[in-house]
Amino acid sequence: MSYKIIRIKTEDKKRLERLAEIFGFKSLSEALRYAISVAEKEANKIEADLESALKSLKYARDIGETRAEDVDEYLYGEG
């Protein structure tokens, strides 16, 4: 296993220390690994949602100028 030294802001180090304390990690590197894993999972969720949104655009059409207050009417018809 190889190690590297990284430089982070003091504020970020304190946040990482709090995270380690909350989850009972023995080292900051464990807390950092956990934070990276969570971030990767969240990034994958966003990617999946983006794909769904792009697929839905296939059915989109221009309805001209709109008002946000009338979104239900635009989606579901007159009410």
C-alpha atoms as a PDB file:
ATOM      1  CA  MET A   1       0.000   0.000   0.000  1.00  0.00           C
ATOM      2  CA  SER A   2       1.355   3.401  -0.873  1.00  0.00           C
ATOM      3  CA  TYR A   3       0.624   6.694   0.833  1.00  0.00           C
ATOM      4  CA  LYS A   4       0.521  10.287  -0.358  1.00  0.00           C
ATOM      5  CA  ILE A   5       0.375  13.503   1.572  1.00  0.00           C
ATOM      6  CA  ILE A   6      -2.453  15.817   0.588  1.00  0.00           C
ATOM      7  CA  ARG A   7      -3.009  19.400   1.634  1.00  0.00           C
ATOM      8  CA  ILE A   8      -6.450  20.470   2.743  1.00  0.00           C
ATOM      9  CA  LYS A   9      -7.778  23.572   4.418  1.00  0.00           C
ATOM     10  CA  THR A  10      -7.905  23.533   8.205  1.00  0.00           C
ATOM     11  CA  GLU A  11     -11.684  23.927   8.092  1.00  0.00           C
ATOM     12  CA  ASP A  12     -11.999  20.791   5.920  1.00  0.00           C
ATOM     13  CA  LYS A  13      -9.714  18.852   8.259  1.00  0.00           C
ATOM     14  CA  LYS A  14     -11.938  19.799  11.189  1.00  0.00           C
ATOM     15  CA  ARG A  15     -15.010  18.657   9.271  1.00  0.00           C
ATOM     16  CA  LEU A  16     -13.296  15.367   8.489  1.00  0.00           C
ATOM     17  CA  GLU A  17     -12.380  14.959  12.172  1.00  0.00           C
ATOM     18  CA  ARG A  18     -16.042  15.530  13.136  1.00  0.00           C
ATOM     19  CA  LEU A  19     -17.124  12.932  10.576  1.00  0.00           C
ATOM     20  CA  ALA A  20     -14.587  10.451  11.950  1.00  0.00           C
ATOM     21  CA  GLU A  21     -15.859  11.066  15.475  1.00  0.00           C
ATOM     22  CA  ILE A  22     -19.523  10.720  14.508  1.00  0.00           C
ATOM     23  CA  PHE A  23     -19.002   7.398  12.718  1.00  0.00           C
ATOM     24  CA  GLY A  24     -16.321   6.080  15.046  1.00  0.00           C
ATOM     25  CA  PHE A  25     -13.549   5.911  12.475  1.00  0.00           C
ATOM     26  CA  LYS A  26     -10.065   5.400  13.896  1.00  0.00           C
ATOM     27  CA  SER A  27      -8.358   7.625  11.355  1.00  0.00           C
ATOM     28  CA  LEU A  28      -9.011  10.544   9.063  1.00  0.00           C
ATOM     29  CA  SER A  29      -8.204   8.351   6.078  1.00  0.00           C
ATOM     30  CA  GLU A  30     -11.133   6.054   6.973  1.00  0.00           C
ATOM     31  CA  ALA A  31     -13.410   9.081   7.202  1.00  0.00           C
ATOM     32  CA  LEU A  32     -12.129  10.337   3.859  1.00  0.00           C
ATOM     33  CA  ARG A  33     -12.714   6.949   2.209  1.00  0.00           C
ATOM     34  CA  TYR A  34     -16.255   6.948   3.568  1.00  0.00           C
ATOM     35  CA  ALA A  35     -16.911  10.486   2.308  1.00  0.00           C
ATOM     36  CA  ILE A  36     -15.601   9.569  -1.147  1.00  0.00           C
ATOM     37  CA  SER A  37     -17.825   6.462  -1.260  1.00  0.00           C
ATOM     38  CA  VAL A  38     -20.904   8.494  -0.349  1.00  0.00           C
ATOM     39  CA  ALA A  39     -20.033  11.130  -2.949  1.00  0.00           C
ATOM     40  CA  GLU A  40     -19.614   8.471  -5.643  1.00  0.00           C
ATOM     41  CA  LYS A  41     -23.016   6.950  -4.824  1.00  0.00           C
ATOM     42  CA  GLU A  42     -24.657  10.366  -4.960  1.00  0.00           C
ATOM     43  CA  ALA A  43     -22.985  11.117  -8.287  1.00  0.00           C
ATOM     44  CA  ASN A  44     -24.352   7.863  -9.698  1.00  0.00           C
ATOM     45  CA  LYS A  45     -27.880   8.798  -8.559  1.00  0.00           C
ATOM     46  CA  ILE A  46     -27.618  12.143 -10.305  1.00  0.00           C
ATOM     47  CA  GLU A  47     -26.434  10.469 -13.496  1.00  0.00           C
ATOM     48  CA  ALA A  48     -29.421   8.101 -13.491  1.00  0.00           C
ATOM     49  CA  ASP A  49     -31.850  10.966 -12.934  1.00  0.00           C
ATOM     50  CA  LEU A  50     -30.250  12.929 -15.751  1.00  0.00           C
ATOM     51  CA  GLU A  51     -30.763  10.029 -18.150  1.00  0.00           C
ATOM     52  CA  SER A  52     -34.461   9.899 -17.263  1.00  0.00           C
ATOM     53  CA  ALA A  53     -34.819  13.625 -17.763  1.00  0.00           C
ATOM     54  CA  LEU A  54     -33.146  13.489 -21.156  1.00  0.00           C
ATOM     55  CA  LYS A  55     -35.397  10.606 -22.245  1.00  0.00           C
ATOM     56  CA  SER A  56     -38.477  12.581 -21.259  1.00  0.00           C
ATOM     57  CA  LEU A  57     -37.384  15.469 -23.498  1.00  0.00           C
ATOM     58  CA  LYS A  58     -38.134  13.193 -26.444  1.00  0.00           C
ATOM     59  CA  TYR A  59     -41.819  13.935 -25.778  1.00  0.00           C
ATOM     60  CA  ALA A  60     -41.422  17.652 -25.095  1.00  0.00           C
ATOM     61  CA  ARG A  61     -42.946  20.323 -27.276  1.00  0.00           C
ATOM     62  CA  ASP A  62     -42.920  24.096 -27.331  1.00  0.00           C
ATOM     63  CA  ILE A  63     -46.082  25.502 -25.754  1.00  0.00           C
ATOM     64  CA  GLY A  64     -45.037  29.116 -26.075  1.00  0.00           C
ATOM     65  CA  GLU A  65     -44.728  31.618 -23.262  1.00  0.00           C
ATOM     66  CA  THR A  66     -45.858  30.217 -19.915  1.00  0.00           C
ATOM     67  CA  ARG A  67     -46.406  31.214 -16.288  1.00  0.00           C
ATOM     68  CA  ALA A  68     -45.062  29.070 -13.453  1.00  0.00           C
ATOM     69  CA  GLU A  69     -48.304  29.516 -11.491  1.00  0.00           C
ATOM     70  CA  ASP A  70     -50.198  27.652 -14.234  1.00  0.00           C
ATOM     71  CA  VAL A  71     -48.003  24.538 -14.308  1.00  0.00           C
ATOM     72  CA  ASP A  72     -50.848  22.195 -13.279  1.00  0.00           C
ATOM     73  CA  GLU A  73     -52.989  23.476 -16.113  1.00  0.00           C
ATOM     74  CA  TYR A  74     -50.159  22.930 -18.604  1.00  0.00           C
ATOM     75  CA  LEU A  75     -49.539  19.388 -17.356  1.00  0.00           C
ATOM     76  CA  TYR A  76     -53.065  18.154 -16.693  1.00  0.00           C
ATOM     77  CA  GLY A  77     -55.322  20.393 -18.744  1.00  0.00           C
ATOM     78  CA  GLU A  78     -58.031  22.822 -17.634  1.00  0.00           C
ATOM     79  CA  GLY A  79     -59.201  22.148 -14.232  1.00  0.00           C
END
